[in-house]
Amino acid sequence: MRVLVIEDDAEMAEAVAVGLRRACMAVDVTFDGVSGLDRARDNDYDVVVLDRDLPGMHGDEVCAELVAVGCRSRVLMLTAAAAMEDLVGGLGLGADDYLPKPFDFPVLVARIGALVRRAQPAIPPVLRAGDVVVDTARRRAFRGDRLLHLAPKEFGVLELLLASQGRTLSAEELLERVWDEAADPFTSAVKITISRLRAKLGDPPVIETVANAGYRVRWTVWE
């Protein structure tokens, strides 16, 4: 799950980013409306956490522009105002959800997860393939009765592979969706993460390599 946080309060933005990364999300951060809009246009984010009161370009304008260009990212708007007219105004511009400040961090994580599950096609709250289970709401993964102790990137890769329902995902797509913008496109991070994930999943194998194409969940697992 990849998230863009657009928030001009640097301390708050970094705190949110750290918390979301601990919840196994890849997070990019920007501090004004113009650069935030550029990032959202250039990258395939699952959710954009958008502060309403931004310098350079107001959050309302950013949201309206994202809708106008057909951006598929879900938008969660943040604001210090909690009045009903502000809520209605934000949703009327195309935001998918609205959260007034201050907020409880678990609520933010839950709202982001709910937005991702409303994507098209919809992603169920619990992903299953054989005896492998990923609870996307609680950010936990199991194989049978065994809790898998996964690093954030390992969890993200497994979540994406199960959500693809057997479709082959290229290393480039995994890098785009699970890592943040600081990732080196020529890195072997995906290959290393897949190797570690396979070791933690154990036998029989769950993930297979498709030559010159990428990775997928083994079709026998779905039986």
Protein backbone atom coordinates (compact mmCIF):
# COMPACT_ATOMS: atom_id res chain seq x y z
CA MET A 1 0.00 0.00 0.00
CA ARG A 2 1.53 3.32 -1.05
CA VAL A 3 0.42 6.61 0.51
CA LEU A 4 1.22 10.26 -0.20
CA VAL A 5 0.98 12.67 2.74
CA ILE A 6 0.55 16.35 1.76
CA GLU A 7 0.84 18.35 4.98
CA ASP A 8 2.57 21.71 5.54
CA ASP A 9 3.25 21.09 9.23
CA ALA A 10 6.58 19.27 8.86
CA GLU A 11 6.54 17.80 12.36
CA MET A 12 3.04 16.40 11.93
CA ALA A 13 3.77 15.15 8.41
CA GLU A 14 6.83 13.23 9.54
CA ALA A 15 5.02 11.82 12.57
CA VAL A 16 2.19 10.56 10.35
CA ALA A 17 4.69 9.11 7.87
CA VAL A 18 6.59 7.24 10.59
CA GLY A 19 3.37 5.81 12.00
CA LEU A 20 2.09 4.68 8.61
CA ARG A 21 5.41 3.05 7.80
CA ARG A 22 5.16 1.11 11.05
CA ALA A 23 1.76 -0.03 9.79
CA CYS A 24 3.53 -1.56 6.76
CA MET A 25 2.75 1.22 4.30
CA ALA A 26 5.12 2.94 1.85
CA VAL A 27 4.89 6.68 2.42
CA ASP A 28 6.03 9.77 0.52
CA VAL A 29 5.72 13.25 2.04
CA THR A 30 5.43 16.72 0.58
CA PHE A 31 4.72 20.02 2.30
CA ASP A 32 2.78 22.22 -0.14
CA GLY A 33 -0.05 21.94 -2.61
CA VAL A 34 1.88 22.42 -5.84
CA SER A 35 4.52 19.76 -5.20
CA GLY A 36 1.86 17.50 -3.70
CA LEU A 37 -0.22 17.69 -6.87
CA ASP A 38 2.84 16.95 -8.99
CA ARG A 39 3.71 13.88 -6.89
CA ALA A 40 0.13 12.59 -7.00
CA ARG A 41 0.05 12.94 -10.78
CA ASP A 42 3.41 11.26 -11.31
CA ASN A 43 3.01 8.24 -9.01
CA ASP A 44 0.44 5.50 -8.50
CA TYR A 45 -0.66 6.10 -4.90
CA ASP A 46 -3.40 4.08 -3.25
CA VAL A 47 -4.35 6.97 -0.94
CA VAL A 48 -3.49 10.67 -0.77
CA VAL A 49 -3.74 12.12 2.74
CA LEU A 50 -4.40 15.76 1.92
CA ASP A 51 -4.34 18.66 4.38
CA ARG A 52 -6.89 21.26 3.38
CA ASP A 53 -5.00 24.40 4.40
CA LEU A 54 -1.84 24.24 2.28
CA PRO A 55 0.57 26.93 1.05
CA GLY A 56 1.09 27.43 -2.67
CA MET A 57 -2.14 25.71 -3.66
CA HIS A 58 -5.10 25.13 -1.36
CA GLY A 59 -6.06 21.55 -0.60
CA ASP A 60 -9.47 22.12 -2.17
CA GLU A 61 -7.79 23.02 -5.46
CA VAL A 62 -5.47 20.03 -5.26
CA CYS A 63 -8.42 17.70 -4.70
CA ALA A 64 -10.45 19.21 -7.53
CA GLU A 65 -7.50 18.96 -9.91
CA LEU A 66 -6.86 15.30 -9.03
CA VAL A 67 -10.48 14.52 -9.83
CA ALA A 68 -10.31 16.52 -13.07
CA VAL A 69 -7.28 14.59 -14.38
CA GLY A 70 -8.84 11.23 -13.50
CA CYS A 71 -6.44 10.33 -10.69
CA ARG A 72 -7.38 6.91 -9.29
CA SER A 73 -5.92 7.57 -5.84
CA ARG A 74 -8.39 7.78 -2.97
CA VAL A 75 -8.29 11.15 -1.18
CA LEU A 76 -8.53 11.48 2.60
CA MET A 77 -8.82 15.15 3.46
CA LEU A 78 -7.53 16.53 6.77
CA THR A 79 -8.60 19.85 8.24
CA ALA A 80 -8.47 21.76 11.49
CA ALA A 81 -12.10 22.75 10.93
CA ALA A 82 -14.83 20.33 11.94
CA ALA A 83 -17.89 22.30 10.82
CA MET A 84 -20.49 20.50 8.73
CA GLU A 85 -20.07 22.93 5.81
CA ASP A 86 -16.35 22.12 5.66
CA LEU A 87 -17.05 18.40 5.58
CA VAL A 88 -19.66 18.79 2.86
CA GLY A 89 -17.41 21.12 0.91
CA GLY A 90 -14.46 18.70 0.96
CA LEU A 91 -16.56 15.73 -0.09
CA GLY A 92 -18.24 17.81 -2.76
CA LEU A 93 -14.86 18.47 -4.35
CA GLY A 94 -14.27 14.76 -4.76
CA ALA A 95 -12.57 13.71 -1.52
CA ASP A 96 -13.40 10.13 -0.54
CA ASP A 97 -13.22 10.71 3.20
CA TYR A 98 -12.73 13.52 5.68
CA LEU A 99 -10.94 13.58 9.05
CA PRO A 100 -10.86 16.63 11.36
CA LYS A 101 -7.75 17.46 13.40
CA PRO A 102 -6.76 16.47 15.98
CA PHE A 103 -7.37 12.79 15.29
CA ASP A 104 -6.44 9.49 16.88
CA PHE A 105 -3.75 7.79 14.82
CA PRO A 106 -5.47 4.34 14.81
CA VAL A 107 -8.48 6.06 13.25
CA LEU A 108 -6.32 7.45 10.45
CA VAL A 109 -4.85 4.00 9.75
CA ALA A 110 -8.33 2.45 9.75
CA ARG A 111 -9.69 5.13 7.40
CA ILE A 112 -6.81 4.62 4.96
CA GLY A 113 -7.35 0.87 5.01
CA ALA A 114 -11.07 1.33 4.39
CA LEU A 115 -10.37 3.56 1.38
CA VAL A 116 -8.01 1.00 -0.15
CA ARG A 117 -10.62 -1.72 0.27
CA ARG A 118 -13.05 0.46 -1.70
CA ALA A 119 -10.72 0.52 -4.70
CA GLN A 120 -11.84 -0.91 -8.04
CA PRO A 121 -11.88 -3.83 -8.02
CA ALA A 122 -12.67 -3.87 -4.32
CA ILE A 123 -10.07 -5.43 -2.05
CA PRO A 124 -11.55 -7.58 0.73
CA PRO A 125 -10.47 -6.92 4.34
CA VAL A 126 -9.04 -10.45 4.57
CA LEU A 127 -7.04 -11.96 1.70
CA ARG A 128 -6.65 -15.74 1.48
CA ALA A 129 -4.70 -18.16 -0.67
CA GLY A 130 -4.74 -21.69 0.67
CA ASP A 131 -3.60 -21.52 4.29
CA VAL A 132 -2.04 -18.08 3.85
CA VAL A 133 -4.15 -15.26 5.30
CA VAL A 134 -3.48 -11.51 5.22
CA ASP A 135 -5.64 -9.34 7.47
CA THR A 136 -5.41 -5.98 5.73
CA ALA A 137 -7.28 -4.13 8.50
CA ARG A 138 -5.12 -5.34 11.40
CA ARG A 139 -1.98 -5.54 9.24
CA ARG A 140 -1.23 -9.15 10.21
CA ALA A 141 -0.41 -12.25 8.19
CA PHE A 142 -0.68 -15.96 9.00
CA ARG A 143 0.20 -19.29 7.51
CA GLY A 144 -2.16 -21.74 9.07
CA ASP A 145 -2.11 -20.97 12.80
CA ARG A 146 1.36 -19.43 12.61
CA LEU A 147 1.68 -15.65 12.83
CA LEU A 148 4.18 -14.43 10.26
CA HIS A 149 6.59 -11.83 11.60
CA LEU A 150 7.01 -9.80 8.44
CA ALA A 151 8.95 -6.61 7.82
CA PRO A 152 6.85 -3.79 6.29
CA LYS A 153 8.05 -4.42 2.73
CA GLU A 154 7.53 -8.19 3.09
CA PHE A 155 3.97 -7.58 4.27
CA GLY A 156 3.34 -5.15 1.41
CA VAL A 157 4.59 -7.59 -1.22
CA LEU A 158 2.53 -10.47 0.18
CA GLU A 159 -0.58 -8.27 0.39
CA LEU A 160 -0.20 -7.14 -3.21
CA LEU A 161 0.44 -10.66 -4.53
CA LEU A 162 -2.61 -12.08 -2.79
CA ALA A 163 -4.77 -9.16 -3.92
CA SER A 164 -3.73 -9.84 -7.52
CA GLN A 165 -5.37 -13.31 -7.28
CA GLY A 166 -2.74 -15.16 -9.26
CA ARG A 167 -1.91 -12.39 -11.74
CA THR A 168 1.81 -12.01 -12.39
CA LEU A 169 3.28 -8.81 -10.99
CA SER A 170 6.54 -7.47 -12.37
CA ALA A 171 9.37 -6.38 -10.11
CA GLU A 172 8.80 -2.85 -11.40
CA GLU A 173 5.15 -2.89 -10.35
CA LEU A 174 6.01 -4.23 -6.91
CA LEU A 175 8.68 -1.56 -6.51
CA GLU A 176 6.21 1.14 -7.55
CA ARG A 177 3.44 -0.03 -5.21
CA VAL A 178 5.34 -1.17 -2.11
CA TRP A 179 8.39 1.11 -1.96
CA ASP A 180 8.49 4.89 -1.71
CA GLU A 181 10.00 7.37 -4.14
CA ALA A 182 13.47 7.02 -2.59
CA ALA A 183 13.76 3.47 -3.95
CA ASP A 184 16.43 2.93 -6.59
CA PRO A 185 14.73 1.53 -9.73
CA PHE A 186 17.82 -0.57 -10.39
CA THR A 187 17.96 -2.04 -6.90
CA SER A 188 17.63 -5.75 -6.11
CA ALA A 189 15.33 -4.90 -3.18
CA VAL A 190 12.35 -6.74 -4.67
CA LYS A 191 14.34 -9.92 -5.29
CA ILE A 192 15.80 -9.84 -1.77
CA THR A 193 12.39 -9.18 -0.19
CA ILE A 194 10.78 -12.03 -2.15
CA SER A 195 13.57 -14.36 -0.99
CA ARG A 196 13.06 -13.42 2.67
CA LEU A 197 9.29 -13.68 2.33
CA ARG A 198 9.55 -17.17 0.84
CA ALA A 199 11.74 -18.25 3.75
CA LYS A 200 9.22 -16.96 6.30
CA LEU A 201 6.26 -18.54 4.49
CA GLY A 202 8.00 -21.93 4.42
CA ASP A 203 6.89 -25.03 2.51
CA PRO A 204 5.08 -25.84 0.37
CA PRO A 205 6.12 -22.80 -1.69
CA VAL A 206 3.58 -20.01 -2.11
CA ILE A 207 5.31 -17.57 -4.47
CA GLU A 208 6.69 -18.57 -7.83
CA THR A 209 8.88 -16.72 -10.29
CA VAL A 210 7.55 -16.31 -13.82
CA ALA A 211 10.50 -16.10 -16.19
CA ASN A 212 11.00 -12.62 -17.67
CA ALA A 213 7.70 -11.48 -16.17
CA GLY A 214 7.75 -11.29 -12.37
CA TYR A 215 6.11 -13.08 -9.47
CA ARG A 216 2.74 -14.58 -8.60
CA VAL A 217 1.04 -16.77 -6.03
CA ARG A 218 1.31 -20.40 -7.21
CA TRP A 219 -1.93 -21.49 -8.89
CA THR A 220 -2.01 -24.70 -6.79
CA VAL A 221 -2.39 -22.57 -3.67
CA TRP A 222 -5.79 -21.37 -4.87
CA GLU A 223 -7.21 -24.89 -5.10
